[in-house]
């Protein structure tokens, strides 16, 4: 059993020492921020429509509701 323990420990040390730091390009962060903003804008628009007060709905025509 001790052989397996040492083998696992050596494998974990090997994995931990061979990691690399890869930084995503700047365009990735710009596209991600744009997508996140778009999703937040859509969520706010949905919530604004879903929880619209009754008084505001009464002022709208039937087609707008």
C-alpha atoms as a PDB file:
ATOM      1  CA  UNK A   1       0.000   0.000   0.000  1.00  0.00           C
ATOM      2  CA  UNK A   2       2.813   2.432   0.733  1.00  0.00           C
ATOM      3  CA  UNK A   3       4.020   2.105  -2.871  1.00  0.00           C
ATOM      4  CA  UNK A   4       0.710   3.456  -4.183  1.00  0.00           C
ATOM      5  CA  UNK A   5       0.835   6.350  -1.727  1.00  0.00           C
ATOM      6  CA  UNK A   6       4.289   7.428  -2.927  1.00  0.00           C
ATOM      7  CA  UNK A   7       3.280   7.006  -6.544  1.00  0.00           C
ATOM      8  CA  UNK A   8       0.219   9.244  -6.066  1.00  0.00           C
ATOM      9  CA  UNK A   9       2.263  11.837  -4.160  1.00  0.00           C
ATOM     10  CA  UNK A  10       4.875  12.001  -6.924  1.00  0.00           C
ATOM     11  CA  UNK A  11       2.170  12.319  -9.576  1.00  0.00           C
ATOM     12  CA  UNK A  12       0.515  15.194  -7.695  1.00  0.00           C
ATOM     13  CA  UNK A  13       3.832  16.985  -7.363  1.00  0.00           C
ATOM     14  CA  UNK A  14       4.468  16.531 -11.075  1.00  0.00           C
ATOM     15  CA  UNK A  15       1.054  17.944 -11.981  1.00  0.00           C
ATOM     16  CA  UNK A  16       1.444  20.932  -9.676  1.00  0.00           C
ATOM     17  CA  UNK A  17       4.864  21.881 -11.062  1.00  0.00           C
ATOM     18  CA  UNK A  18       3.866  21.707 -14.728  1.00  0.00           C
ATOM     19  CA  UNK A  19       1.057  24.283 -14.708  1.00  0.00           C
ATOM     20  CA  UNK A  20       1.286  27.235 -17.061  1.00  0.00           C
ATOM     21  CA  UNK A  21      -0.217  30.694 -16.921  1.00  0.00           C
ATOM     22  CA  UNK A  22      -2.078  31.448 -20.136  1.00  0.00           C
ATOM     23  CA  UNK A  23      -3.649  34.900 -20.254  1.00  0.00           C
ATOM     24  CA  UNK A  24      -6.645  35.394 -22.570  1.00  0.00           C
ATOM     25  CA  UNK A  25      -6.250  38.114 -25.215  1.00  0.00           C
ATOM     26  CA  UNK A  26      -7.710  41.600 -24.718  1.00  0.00           C
ATOM     27  CA  UNK A  27     -10.436  41.055 -27.353  1.00  0.00           C
ATOM     28  CA  UNK A  28     -11.777  38.173 -25.279  1.00  0.00           C
ATOM     29  CA  UNK A  29     -12.339  40.459 -22.286  1.00  0.00           C
ATOM     30  CA  UNK A  30     -13.957  43.131 -24.480  1.00  0.00           C
ATOM     31  CA  UNK A  31     -16.369  40.635 -26.056  1.00  0.00           C
ATOM     32  CA  UNK A  32     -17.102  39.124 -22.642  1.00  0.00           C
ATOM     33  CA  UNK A  33     -17.870  42.535 -21.128  1.00  0.00           C
ATOM     34  CA  UNK A  34     -20.100  43.419 -24.081  1.00  0.00           C
ATOM     35  CA  UNK A  35     -21.981  40.125 -23.742  1.00  0.00           C
ATOM     36  CA  UNK A  36     -22.384  40.545 -20.007  1.00  0.00           C
ATOM     37  CA  UNK A  37     -23.709  44.082 -20.469  1.00  0.00           C
ATOM     38  CA  UNK A  38     -26.139  42.870 -23.131  1.00  0.00           C
ATOM     39  CA  UNK A  39     -27.460  40.136 -20.827  1.00  0.00           C
ATOM     40  CA  UNK A  40     -27.851  42.529 -17.896  1.00  0.00           C
ATOM     41  CA  UNK A  41     -29.709  44.999 -20.131  1.00  0.00           C
ATOM     42  CA  UNK A  42     -32.052  42.217 -21.252  1.00  0.00           C
ATOM     43  CA  UNK A  43     -32.691  41.071 -17.701  1.00  0.00           C
ATOM     44  CA  UNK A  44     -33.529  44.621 -16.616  1.00  0.00           C
ATOM     45  CA  UNK A  45     -35.881  45.053 -19.600  1.00  0.00           C
ATOM     46  CA  UNK A  46     -37.634  41.784 -18.782  1.00  0.00           C
ATOM     47  CA  UNK A  47     -38.035  42.615 -15.107  1.00  0.00           C
ATOM     48  CA  UNK A  48     -39.311  46.088 -15.978  1.00  0.00           C
ATOM     49  CA  UNK A  49     -41.970  44.602 -18.223  1.00  0.00           C
ATOM     50  CA  UNK A  50     -42.856  41.674 -15.977  1.00  0.00           C
ATOM     51  CA  UNK A  51     -43.336  43.814 -12.856  1.00  0.00           C
ATOM     52  CA  UNK A  52     -44.933  46.842 -14.506  1.00  0.00           C
ATOM     53  CA  UNK A  53     -47.475  48.567 -12.230  1.00  0.00           C
ATOM     54  CA  UNK A  54     -51.167  48.158 -13.016  1.00  0.00           C
ATOM     55  CA  UNK A  55     -51.586  51.936 -13.437  1.00  0.00           C
ATOM     56  CA  UNK A  56     -49.024  51.937 -16.246  1.00  0.00           C
ATOM     57  CA  UNK A  57     -50.720  48.971 -17.939  1.00  0.00           C
ATOM     58  CA  UNK A  58     -54.071  50.759 -17.830  1.00  0.00           C
ATOM     59  CA  UNK A  59     -52.619  53.722 -19.723  1.00  0.00           C
ATOM     60  CA  UNK A  60     -51.453  51.493 -22.590  1.00  0.00           C
ATOM     61  CA  UNK A  61     -53.543  50.461 -25.514  1.00  0.00           C
ATOM     62  CA  UNK A  62     -54.506  46.812 -25.936  1.00  0.00           C
ATOM     63  CA  UNK A  63     -51.833  46.314 -28.626  1.00  0.00           C
ATOM     64  CA  UNK A  64     -49.072  47.601 -26.358  1.00  0.00           C
ATOM     65  CA  UNK A  65     -49.964  45.265 -23.525  1.00  0.00           C
END
